[in-house]
Structures are given as structure tokens and as C-alpha cells.
Amino acid sequence: MFRDVAALGAALTPLEVRPDGSGATSPDGMRVLGIFNQCMVGLVRFRGETPWERHPDDELLHVLDGAVEVTIEGDAGPATTTLRAGDLCVVPGGAWHRQRTCGVTLVYVTSSQGNEHRPAG
């Protein structure tokens, strides 16, 4: 099945996210597009800073619109990069990561096994 992902993303209402996880959770800001090799393929539009999280498997992020700062903790400490429209990033499985943005629409592919959030503070 083919979808106009850019149009779907533009129609989403941006989520307001916060590092403590208390941000708005409107279902209008996210959409699951399908399942691929036991992974969830989704679309999200948000602004703010996400809580620290990690997944058991790799996660793919592809920016459609806007920009997002992604911080990933690795053996050498945290590394931060800014992704812009057209950029793609793979977050290694088990790595703590977070995102900070003034506004982004992105496609994500992540394990359907769920994720873990680091307690705030």
C-alpha cells in the first residue's frame, strides 16, 4: 500500500512533549502506518523535548519536515546531532536517547516490543 506520508504528516496536530512525559498525548499527533518485520512504522508531529527512552532493537528516524536535535548516549558519553528534512538516523537498540525540537514531522520504525522511559530527575 502506498501513502502520501507528507500529506498525512501535515494533517497531524503537533503534540506538545515534555521531558517528564507530562505533555499532551492527543491521538491527532501520531499515526501508525503499519507493521514491517515485527516493527511499528509510524508518523509523528511534535515540538518540545521527549523523555529519555530506549528500545530493545534499533529505531529508525526519518525527518519529513522541520528539524530535531537527537541525543544518543553511547559508551563514549552522549552525542548530539541535528537532523533536518530528508535526514535519517538509526538509534542503536538499548541506547538511551531523546529528541528536542521547535517543530518536526518524522517517520519512525521501532520495535513493537515497546520502550522504556528513564525516570525524570
Protein backbone atom coordinates (compact mmCIF):
# COMPACT_ATOMS: atom_id res chain seq x y z
CA MET A 1 0.00 0.00 0.00
CA PHE A 2 1.32 3.46 -0.90
CA ARG A 3 0.57 6.54 1.15
CA ASP A 4 1.25 10.25 0.76
CA VAL A 5 3.22 10.41 4.01
CA ALA A 6 3.99 14.13 3.67
CA ALA A 7 0.28 14.95 3.39
CA LEU A 8 -0.55 12.68 6.33
CA GLY A 9 2.13 14.41 8.43
CA ALA A 10 0.94 17.89 7.51
CA ALA A 11 -2.58 16.95 8.67
CA LEU A 12 -1.41 15.91 12.14
CA THR A 13 -1.91 18.24 15.12
CA PRO A 14 1.52 18.79 16.74
CA LEU A 15 2.00 17.16 20.13
CA GLU A 16 3.49 19.27 22.92
CA VAL A 17 6.00 16.95 24.61
CA ARG A 18 7.92 17.43 27.87
CA PRO A 19 10.94 15.64 29.34
CA ASP A 20 8.89 14.40 32.29
CA GLY A 21 6.34 12.82 29.95
CA SER A 22 3.54 15.14 31.06
CA GLY A 23 2.94 16.70 27.64
CA ALA A 24 -0.22 16.44 25.60
CA THR A 25 -0.98 12.99 24.28
CA SER A 26 -3.51 13.86 21.61
CA PRO A 27 -4.06 10.93 19.25
CA ASP A 28 -4.16 13.51 16.43
CA GLY A 29 -0.37 13.97 16.63
CA MET A 30 0.61 10.38 15.83
CA ARG A 31 -0.44 7.75 13.36
CA VAL A 32 0.64 4.13 13.00
CA LEU A 33 1.14 3.44 9.30
CA GLY A 34 1.71 -0.29 9.52
CA ILE A 35 3.87 -3.18 10.69
CA PHE A 36 7.15 -4.11 8.97
CA ASN A 37 9.17 -7.15 10.14
CA GLN A 38 7.56 -7.02 13.59
CA CYS A 39 8.33 -3.30 13.83
CA MET A 40 5.83 -0.47 14.09
CA VAL A 41 6.05 2.13 11.31
CA GLY A 42 4.59 5.43 12.44
CA LEU A 43 4.32 9.11 11.80
CA VAL A 44 4.53 11.79 14.48
CA ARG A 45 4.45 15.58 14.55
CA PHE A 46 5.64 17.25 17.75
CA ARG A 47 7.53 20.05 19.47
CA GLY A 48 9.31 20.16 22.80
CA GLU A 49 11.64 17.66 24.44
CA THR A 50 10.89 13.96 24.79
CA PRO A 51 11.70 11.92 27.89
CA TRP A 52 14.81 9.73 27.75
CA GLU A 53 13.81 6.37 26.28
CA ARG A 54 15.32 3.19 24.89
CA HIS A 55 14.06 0.30 22.79
CA PRO A 56 15.24 -3.32 22.72
CA ASP A 57 16.01 -3.05 18.98
CA ASP A 58 17.29 -0.36 16.61
CA GLU A 59 14.97 2.56 15.85
CA LEU A 60 14.96 4.41 12.54
CA LEU A 61 14.03 8.12 12.41
CA HIS A 62 13.42 9.93 9.09
CA VAL A 63 12.66 13.66 9.19
CA LEU A 64 9.99 14.80 6.73
CA ASP A 65 9.62 18.42 7.83
CA GLY A 66 11.33 20.70 10.34
CA ALA A 67 14.38 19.78 12.38
CA VAL A 68 15.10 17.78 15.53
CA GLU A 69 18.10 17.53 17.83
CA VAL A 70 18.73 13.88 18.72
CA THR A 71 20.93 12.94 21.68
CA ILE A 72 22.08 9.32 21.97
CA GLU A 73 24.06 8.01 24.94
CA GLY A 74 26.88 5.69 23.92
CA ASP A 75 29.99 4.19 25.51
CA ALA A 76 31.87 7.47 24.97
CA GLY A 77 29.05 9.54 26.50
CA PRO A 78 26.18 11.46 24.91
CA ALA A 79 26.39 12.53 21.26
CA THR A 80 24.01 15.12 19.82
CA THR A 81 23.21 15.81 16.18
CA THR A 82 20.59 17.88 14.41
CA LEU A 83 18.52 16.18 11.74
CA ARG A 84 16.72 18.21 9.07
CA ALA A 85 14.15 17.35 6.41
CA GLY A 86 15.42 14.39 4.41
CA ASP A 87 17.86 13.20 7.10
CA LEU A 88 17.75 9.71 8.54
CA CYS A 89 19.16 8.36 11.82
CA VAL A 90 19.40 4.88 13.31
CA VAL A 91 19.35 4.76 17.12
CA PRO A 92 21.07 1.57 18.29
CA GLY A 93 18.96 -0.88 20.27
CA GLY A 94 19.32 -0.42 24.02
CA ALA A 95 20.73 3.12 23.72
CA TRP A 96 19.12 5.85 25.81
CA HIS A 97 18.07 8.74 23.58
CA ARG A 98 15.88 11.83 23.50
CA GLN A 99 14.75 14.42 20.98
CA ARG A 100 14.37 18.19 21.23
CA THR A 101 12.63 20.34 18.61
CA CYS A 102 10.74 23.55 17.89
CA GLY A 103 8.71 21.52 15.40
CA VAL A 104 9.27 18.32 13.44
CA THR A 105 7.35 15.72 11.48
CA LEU A 106 9.06 12.37 11.24
CA VAL A 107 8.57 8.75 10.30
CA TYR A 108 9.81 6.22 12.84
CA VAL A 109 10.32 2.48 12.64
CA THR A 110 10.69 0.88 16.05
CA SER A 111 10.33 -2.45 17.78
CA SER A 112 6.81 -3.48 18.57
CA GLN A 113 8.30 -4.80 21.83
CA GLY A 114 7.75 -1.34 23.35
CA ASN A 115 10.11 1.04 25.03
CA GLU A 116 11.39 2.03 28.44
CA HIS A 117 11.44 5.57 29.84
CA ARG A 118 14.08 6.76 32.27
CA PRO A 119 12.57 8.19 35.46
CA ALA A 120 12.70 12.01 35.45
CA GLY A 121 15.16 13.68 37.74
